[in-house]
Structures are given as C-alpha cells and as structure tokens.
Amino acid sequence: MKFKDYYETLGVKRDATQDDIKNAYRKLARKYHPDVSKEGDAEERFKEVGEAYKVLKEPESRASYDRLGANWQNDQDFRPPPGAEGGFEFRTGAQNGAGFDGADFGDFFEQMFSRQTGRQRTMHMPGEDHHAKIQIDLEDAYRGAERSITLRLPEMDETGHLVNRTRTLSVNIPKGIRAGQNLRLAGQGGAGIGGGQAGDLYLEIAFRPHPHYRVDGADVYMDLPLAPWEAALGATVNADTPAGPVELTIPPNSTAGRKLRLKGKGIPAKEAGNLYVILAIALPPADSEEAKQAYRAMKDAFDFNPRA
C-alpha cells in the first residue's frame, strides 16, 4: 500500500489543531457517508476520510505518523513507524462482503455507527454548532431581560440536504452582558444524525444604536445639554441615565466637552464600567425682542471672543 497523506485527505495543514482535524472530519464524513451522499465514489472517499481521522485524532498516533519525515516526499511504501502499532493497522481482504482493501477501524466504527441488517448503516454524529448575531437594547444589559427572537437557521432535512428554517426562541439576556460576547444555547444548533446529540447555538450580542447613549466595552457615554448660565455659574441638575435618574453637580465655569465620570455606573458586571457625561452648551433661541435684548446685554457685558 502506497503512503497516504492523511492531512491532504482531510484538507488540513500539518500544523492543524486537534479541533481543526475533528471539524474537518465531521464535515467530510457527512458529505461522503453512503447513506447520505449521491456521489459515485462516496463510499471509497468516506473510508479514506475515516482512515485518516483514526490516525490523526489521537496525538500519540499522529506524532508517530509525523515521524516519517522525508519519506513523505518520495511516495515510498508506508510502514507504520515504531510505536504506532497500537494506533492503526492495515488488513487486506473483503470487508463485510464489499470486496475491497481497507483499514480495520475496530472500536472507531462501533462508536460512530450502529449496524443493521445487510449493508444498511445508520450514522450517529453530533450536530453542527450554529452562530448568529442578535441586537439588544442597552437597557437589557443593565437589568437583564427575556426576549423572543426569530432566526433563519440551516438544518438538515430527512433527505440529508441543508435547508433554511425559521425558528423562534426564548432567550434569557443576563445582566451585565457586553457587545461581542456570546450566549450559548445548548442543543439549539444543528440536529444530530442518526439520533446524535444536537449542536449548540451561539448568539453574538450587539447593541442597537441608541439616540442618547454610546457604548465602548463596559463604559457608556452620554451628552448632557446645559444652559449657558448653568455651565458658567454651576448648578445641580437631574439627568436620566441607563442606570436610572441621577443628580449631577455641575462645576462653575464648565465648558462644552467637559467630561464627568460616574464610577461604576456603566454596564454592570463583576468589574462594572463607568458612565461618562459629556457636557454640551444649549443656547436659548433669540426668537423674541426680549430674548434678543438679553443677548445684546450679554454682548455688552463680556469682552469675549470665542475664536481667540
């Protein structure tokens, strides 16, 4: 038997992680399983994929396989390297009446398939994990919430084809969650094959745009309009924040853009973020003669050039 490049068979690089190898195997096993695939060489490809995975899935047998070194480039006959005897073996002869040379997978097949009468086999494999992004309100992260969401997720139908189906799920939004974090819904991913365990659904959190608040990690920013005299003379004002109403002390001679920090009033968590209040100056309109006269008085009272 000529040496086979098992990494090439699974479509992974030689430095692939064990998870990369497992994921590649799962996809190819689904693609070429004889009970699902309609490709002409599906059975042979399925056996090749299983043979490669049996060797590469265990670090010990994979390390022994890797020690063949330069022989990989010379297409020489394959001989299991020292120490690999327990990892895999090759046998020649008919397998289950199929009349082909192949690997004896032993316990591997017993774990993956339940055999039925004749050549019929039922595949037992866990379902794929699914990923989706959902948007929530900032207030949900402050208080926690339960939301109903509707998603279109890929599922495998009874014929083995992937189809998009609409699903409505009830999701618990925990207090303190941040944008970019994932919620794991166990068993809500792809259905398993042959009774295999369903995969998980991972929901990546994003915040809906808010008219008053901006979010940066666990910190929250908001603008606070002030009247000119409040900024100049100082004042105590009430402000609505995601954490609820607060009373703020505005220092005298505050200017637009000044930042006030409310420690721990950002998104709540084990290490809560901060709430930053950015001061803005709101000018009253000069829409009456009295208002215009007040502005003229200010002009006469101050020797002030804002562009100086």
Protein backbone atom coordinates (compact mmCIF):
# COMPACT_ATOMS: atom_id res chain seq x y z
CA MET A 1 0.00 0.00 0.00
CA LYS A 2 1.39 3.38 -1.01
CA PHE A 3 1.77 6.01 1.66
CA LYS A 4 -1.23 8.33 2.00
CA ASP A 5 -1.08 11.94 3.10
CA TYR A 6 -3.81 11.98 5.72
CA TYR A 7 -3.58 15.74 6.18
CA GLU A 8 -4.33 16.17 2.49
CA THR A 9 -7.19 13.68 2.76
CA LEU A 10 -8.84 15.81 5.47
CA GLY A 11 -7.92 19.09 3.77
CA VAL A 12 -5.98 20.50 6.74
CA LYS A 13 -2.45 21.78 7.21
CA ARG A 14 0.18 19.76 9.05
CA ASP A 15 0.08 22.21 11.97
CA ALA A 16 -3.71 21.98 12.29
CA THR A 17 -5.08 21.76 15.82
CA GLN A 18 -6.92 18.67 17.03
CA ASP A 19 -10.17 20.68 16.86
CA ASP A 20 -9.41 21.61 13.24
CA ILE A 21 -8.92 17.94 12.42
CA LYS A 22 -12.12 16.92 14.18
CA ASN A 23 -14.18 19.61 12.46
CA ALA A 24 -12.75 18.74 9.05
CA TYR A 25 -13.54 15.08 9.60
CA ARG A 26 -17.14 15.78 10.63
CA LYS A 27 -17.83 17.82 7.52
CA LEU A 28 -16.29 15.28 5.17
CA ALA A 29 -17.94 12.32 6.91
CA ARG A 30 -21.33 13.93 6.42
CA LYS A 31 -20.52 14.78 2.82
CA TYR A 32 -19.42 11.28 1.80
CA HIS A 33 -21.46 9.00 4.04
CA PRO A 34 -23.01 6.35 1.73
CA ASP A 35 -26.44 6.72 3.32
CA VAL A 36 -26.49 10.47 2.52
CA SER A 37 -24.16 11.25 -0.37
CA LYS A 38 -25.14 10.78 -4.01
CA GLU A 39 -21.57 10.99 -5.33
CA GLY A 40 -20.31 7.94 -7.18
CA ASP A 41 -17.12 7.50 -5.13
CA ALA A 42 -18.74 8.44 -1.81
CA GLU A 43 -18.14 5.09 -0.10
CA GLU A 44 -14.45 4.99 -1.01
CA ARG A 45 -13.95 8.64 -0.03
CA PHE A 46 -15.81 8.02 3.23
CA LYS A 47 -13.44 5.16 4.09
CA GLU A 48 -10.39 7.27 3.24
CA VAL A 49 -11.62 10.11 5.47
CA GLY A 50 -12.29 7.71 8.34
CA GLU A 51 -8.88 6.10 7.92
CA ALA A 52 -7.15 9.50 8.06
CA TYR A 53 -9.11 10.65 11.09
CA LYS A 54 -8.40 7.46 13.03
CA VAL A 55 -4.67 8.15 12.77
CA LEU A 56 -4.69 11.93 13.27
CA LYS A 57 -7.32 12.21 16.00
CA GLU A 58 -5.00 10.86 18.71
CA PRO A 59 -1.85 12.89 19.49
CA GLU A 60 0.21 9.72 20.02
CA SER A 61 -0.57 8.06 16.69
CA ARG A 62 -0.37 11.43 14.94
CA ALA A 63 3.13 12.02 16.35
CA SER A 64 4.25 8.57 15.18
CA TYR A 65 2.80 9.26 11.74
CA ASP A 66 4.57 12.63 11.56
CA ARG A 67 7.95 10.98 12.28
CA LEU A 68 8.00 9.51 8.73
CA GLY A 69 9.65 12.79 7.72
CA ALA A 70 11.30 12.88 4.30
CA ASN A 71 9.69 9.61 3.18
CA TRP A 72 6.53 11.66 2.59
CA GLN A 73 8.14 13.29 -0.46
CA ASN A 74 9.29 10.04 -2.07
CA ASP A 75 5.99 8.18 -2.41
CA GLN A 76 7.51 5.13 -0.72
CA ASP A 77 5.59 2.22 0.67
CA PHE A 78 4.13 3.07 4.00
CA ARG A 79 5.25 1.20 7.08
CA PRO A 80 3.93 2.24 10.48
CA PRO A 81 6.74 3.90 12.40
CA PRO A 82 7.96 2.49 15.74
CA GLY A 83 5.40 2.85 18.50
CA ALA A 84 2.46 3.22 16.15
CA GLU A 85 1.36 -0.41 16.25
CA GLY A 86 -1.42 0.37 18.68
CA GLY A 87 -2.58 3.38 16.71
CA PHE A 88 -3.68 1.74 13.46
CA GLU A 89 -3.18 -1.31 11.26
CA PHE A 90 -3.88 -2.29 7.68
CA ARG A 91 -5.51 -5.53 6.60
CA THR A 92 -6.17 -7.00 3.20
CA GLY A 93 -9.36 -8.83 2.32
CA ALA A 94 -13.07 -8.42 1.93
CA GLN A 95 -14.77 -6.25 4.49
CA ASN A 96 -18.44 -7.05 5.13
CA GLY A 97 -18.66 -8.59 1.65
CA ALA A 98 -17.66 -5.34 -0.06
CA GLY A 99 -14.51 -6.88 -1.58
CA PHE A 100 -12.00 -4.03 -1.03
CA ASP A 101 -8.73 -3.46 0.77
CA GLY A 102 -9.10 -1.07 3.67
CA ALA A 103 -8.37 -0.20 7.28
CA ASP A 104 -9.86 -2.13 10.17
CA PHE A 105 -11.30 0.66 12.30
CA GLY A 106 -12.39 -1.58 15.21
CA ASP A 107 -13.84 0.40 18.08
CA PHE A 108 -13.90 3.53 15.92
CA PHE A 109 -16.77 2.22 13.79
CA GLU A 110 -18.52 0.76 16.81
CA GLN A 111 -18.63 4.22 18.35
CA MET A 112 -19.74 6.01 15.18
CA PHE A 113 -22.25 3.62 13.62
CA SER A 114 -24.87 1.10 14.60
CA ARG A 115 -25.00 -1.70 12.03
CA GLN A 116 -28.30 -3.04 10.79
CA THR A 117 -29.18 -6.00 8.54
CA GLY A 118 -27.35 -6.29 5.18
CA ARG A 119 -25.34 -3.22 4.18
CA GLN A 120 -27.65 -0.65 5.78
CA ARG A 121 -25.92 1.56 8.33
CA THR A 122 -27.20 4.41 10.44
CA MET A 123 -24.77 7.23 11.18
CA HIS A 124 -24.56 8.61 14.69
CA MET A 125 -22.90 12.01 14.74
CA PRO A 126 -23.40 15.18 16.77
CA GLY A 127 -24.94 18.20 15.04
CA GLU A 128 -23.01 21.25 13.95
CA ASP A 129 -22.81 24.35 16.15
CA HIS A 130 -24.57 27.38 14.66
CA HIS A 131 -23.68 31.04 15.09
CA ALA A 132 -25.87 34.13 14.74
CA LYS A 133 -25.76 37.79 15.76
CA ILE A 134 -28.61 39.47 17.62
CA GLN A 135 -29.18 43.08 18.66
CA ILE A 136 -30.45 44.02 22.10
CA ASP A 137 -31.21 47.31 23.83
CA LEU A 138 -28.56 48.78 26.12
CA GLU A 139 -31.12 48.76 28.92
CA ASP A 140 -31.30 44.94 28.64
CA ALA A 141 -27.64 44.75 29.64
CA TYR A 142 -28.31 46.90 32.72
CA ARG A 143 -31.32 44.97 34.00
CA GLY A 144 -31.31 41.63 32.23
CA ALA A 145 -34.29 40.54 30.13
CA GLU A 146 -36.03 37.69 28.42
CA ARG A 147 -36.56 38.18 24.72
CA SER A 148 -38.20 36.19 21.93
CA ILE A 149 -36.09 36.08 18.77
CA THR A 150 -36.77 34.68 15.31
CA LEU A 151 -33.87 33.28 13.30
CA ARG A 152 -33.44 31.54 9.97
CA LEU A 153 -31.03 28.71 10.62
CA PRO A 154 -29.71 25.93 8.37
CA GLU A 155 -30.97 22.45 9.20
CA MET A 156 -30.55 19.08 7.53
CA ASP A 157 -33.82 17.63 6.28
CA GLU A 158 -34.80 13.98 6.15
CA THR A 159 -33.06 13.57 2.79
CA GLY A 160 -29.74 14.90 4.08
CA HIS A 161 -29.97 18.31 2.35
CA LEU A 162 -29.39 21.61 4.12
CA VAL A 163 -32.45 23.89 4.20
CA ASN A 164 -33.14 27.20 5.96
CA ARG A 165 -35.90 27.04 8.53
CA THR A 166 -37.40 29.77 10.69
CA ARG A 167 -37.19 29.19 14.42
CA THR A 168 -38.49 31.31 17.29
CA LEU A 169 -36.56 31.01 20.55
CA SER A 170 -36.91 32.50 24.01
CA VAL A 171 -33.56 33.91 25.09
CA ASN A 172 -32.53 34.99 28.58
CA ILE A 173 -30.33 38.11 28.38
CA PRO A 174 -28.16 38.15 31.50
CA LYS A 175 -27.47 41.36 33.34
CA GLY A 176 -24.03 42.75 32.53
CA ILE A 177 -23.59 41.23 29.07
CA ARG A 178 -21.45 43.24 26.66
CA ALA A 179 -21.30 43.67 22.91
CA GLY A 180 -19.22 40.94 21.30
CA GLN A 181 -19.95 38.35 23.96
CA ASN A 182 -21.74 35.12 23.05
CA LEU A 183 -24.75 33.43 24.57
CA ARG A 184 -24.67 29.63 24.29
CA LEU A 185 -27.98 27.85 23.82
CA ALA A 186 -27.21 24.20 24.37
CA GLY A 187 -28.87 21.81 21.94
CA GLN A 188 -30.30 24.56 19.71
CA GLY A 189 -27.80 24.14 16.89
CA GLY A 190 -27.88 21.64 14.03
CA ALA A 191 -29.69 18.36 14.54
CA GLY A 192 -27.55 15.27 15.04
CA ILE A 193 -27.53 12.42 12.55
CA GLY A 194 -28.99 9.07 13.49
CA GLY A 195 -30.02 10.25 16.93
CA GLY A 196 -26.74 12.02 17.64
CA GLN A 197 -26.70 14.94 20.06
CA ALA A 198 -27.74 18.29 18.63
CA GLY A 199 -25.16 21.05 18.33
CA ASP A 200 -25.26 24.35 20.19
CA LEU A 201 -26.38 27.80 19.06
CA TYR A 202 -24.06 30.73 19.82
CA LEU A 203 -25.61 34.20 19.74
CA GLU A 204 -23.18 37.11 19.41
CA ILE A 205 -24.51 40.19 21.20
CA ALA A 206 -24.64 43.64 19.62
CA PHE A 207 -26.37 46.78 20.89
CA ARG A 208 -28.95 48.63 18.84
CA PRO A 209 -27.97 52.25 18.12
CA HIS A 210 -29.30 54.48 20.90
CA PRO A 211 -30.30 58.14 20.47
CA HIS A 212 -28.73 59.18 23.78
CA TYR A 213 -26.04 56.68 24.76
CA ARG A 214 -22.83 55.35 23.21
CA VAL A 215 -21.09 52.18 24.38
CA ASP A 216 -17.38 51.37 24.48
CA GLY A 217 -16.77 48.00 26.11
CA ALA A 218 -18.31 48.28 29.57
CA ASP A 219 -18.24 52.11 29.55
CA VAL A 220 -21.21 54.20 28.50
CA TYR A 221 -21.17 57.81 27.24
CA MET A 222 -23.98 60.33 27.15
CA ASP A 223 -24.31 64.01 26.26
CA LEU A 224 -25.87 66.42 28.79
CA PRO A 225 -27.15 69.76 27.46
CA LEU A 226 -26.73 72.74 29.80
CA ALA A 227 -27.99 76.29 29.69
CA PRO A 228 -25.16 78.85 29.45
CA TRP A 229 -25.77 80.10 32.99
CA GLU A 230 -25.73 76.51 34.38
CA ALA A 231 -22.34 75.93 32.81
CA ALA A 232 -20.98 79.33 33.84
CA LEU A 233 -22.34 79.56 37.39
CA GLY A 234 -22.53 75.88 38.27
CA ALA A 235 -25.74 74.04 39.01
CA THR A 236 -27.35 70.87 40.29
CA VAL A 237 -29.30 69.12 37.54
CA ASN A 238 -31.21 65.89 37.15
CA ALA A 239 -30.28 63.53 34.32
CA ASP A 240 -31.69 60.26 33.04
CA THR A 241 -29.09 57.51 32.65
CA PRO A 242 -29.33 53.81 31.76
CA ALA A 243 -28.87 53.09 35.46
CA GLY A 244 -31.79 55.39 36.37
CA PRO A 245 -32.17 59.09 37.28
CA VAL A 246 -29.16 60.74 38.91
CA GLU A 247 -28.47 64.17 40.40
CA LEU A 248 -25.37 65.81 38.96
CA THR A 249 -23.35 68.71 40.33
CA ILE A 250 -22.06 70.91 37.51
CA PRO A 251 -18.89 72.76 38.49
CA PRO A 252 -18.78 76.53 37.79
CA ASN A 253 -17.07 77.65 34.60
CA SER A 254 -17.70 74.31 32.90
CA THR A 255 -17.10 74.31 29.16
CA ALA A 256 -18.62 72.27 26.35
CA GLY A 257 -16.93 68.89 26.05
CA ARG A 258 -16.05 68.62 29.73
CA LYS A 259 -16.31 65.02 30.89
CA LEU A 260 -17.82 63.99 34.22
CA ARG A 261 -17.25 60.41 35.37
CA LEU A 262 -19.81 58.42 37.32
CA LYS A 263 -17.76 55.49 38.56
CA GLY A 264 -19.41 52.08 38.33
CA LYS A 265 -22.49 53.40 36.52
CA GLY A 266 -21.59 51.78 33.21
CA ILE A 267 -22.65 48.28 32.24
CA PRO A 268 -22.91 46.30 35.48
CA ALA A 269 -20.67 43.28 35.88
CA LYS A 270 -18.09 41.88 38.29
CA GLU A 271 -16.00 44.86 37.18
CA ALA A 272 -18.63 47.43 36.28
CA GLY A 273 -17.90 50.04 33.66
CA ASN A 274 -18.15 53.80 34.12
CA LEU A 275 -20.71 56.29 32.86
CA TYR A 276 -19.21 59.39 31.27
CA VAL A 277 -21.34 62.53 30.99
CA ILE A 278 -20.17 64.89 28.25
CA LEU A 279 -21.32 68.49 28.83
CA ALA A 280 -22.84 70.42 25.94
CA ILE A 281 -23.99 74.07 25.89
CA ALA A 282 -27.50 74.64 24.57
CA LEU A 283 -28.32 78.22 23.60
CA PRO A 284 -31.83 79.57 24.06
CA PRO A 285 -33.31 80.86 20.77
CA ALA A 286 -33.40 84.58 20.09
CA ASP A 287 -36.99 84.36 18.93
CA SER A 288 -38.44 87.41 20.68
CA GLU A 289 -37.46 91.02 21.23
CA GLU A 290 -36.85 90.34 24.92
CA ALA A 291 -34.54 87.42 24.10
CA LYS A 292 -32.62 89.50 21.57
CA GLN A 293 -32.22 92.27 24.13
CA ALA A 294 -30.82 89.75 26.61
CA TYR A 295 -28.22 88.65 24.07
CA ARG A 296 -27.32 92.28 23.37
CA ALA A 297 -26.81 92.81 27.09
CA MET A 298 -24.51 89.79 27.24
CA LYS A 299 -22.56 91.14 24.27
CA ASP A 300 -22.06 94.47 26.04
CA ALA A 301 -21.23 92.82 29.36
CA PHE A 302 -18.48 90.47 28.13
CA ASP A 303 -15.24 91.21 26.36
CA PHE A 304 -15.22 87.71 24.88
CA ASN A 305 -14.02 86.32 21.57
CA PRO A 306 -14.68 82.55 21.30
CA ARG A 307 -12.22 82.27 18.40
CA ALA A 308 -9.34 83.95 20.16
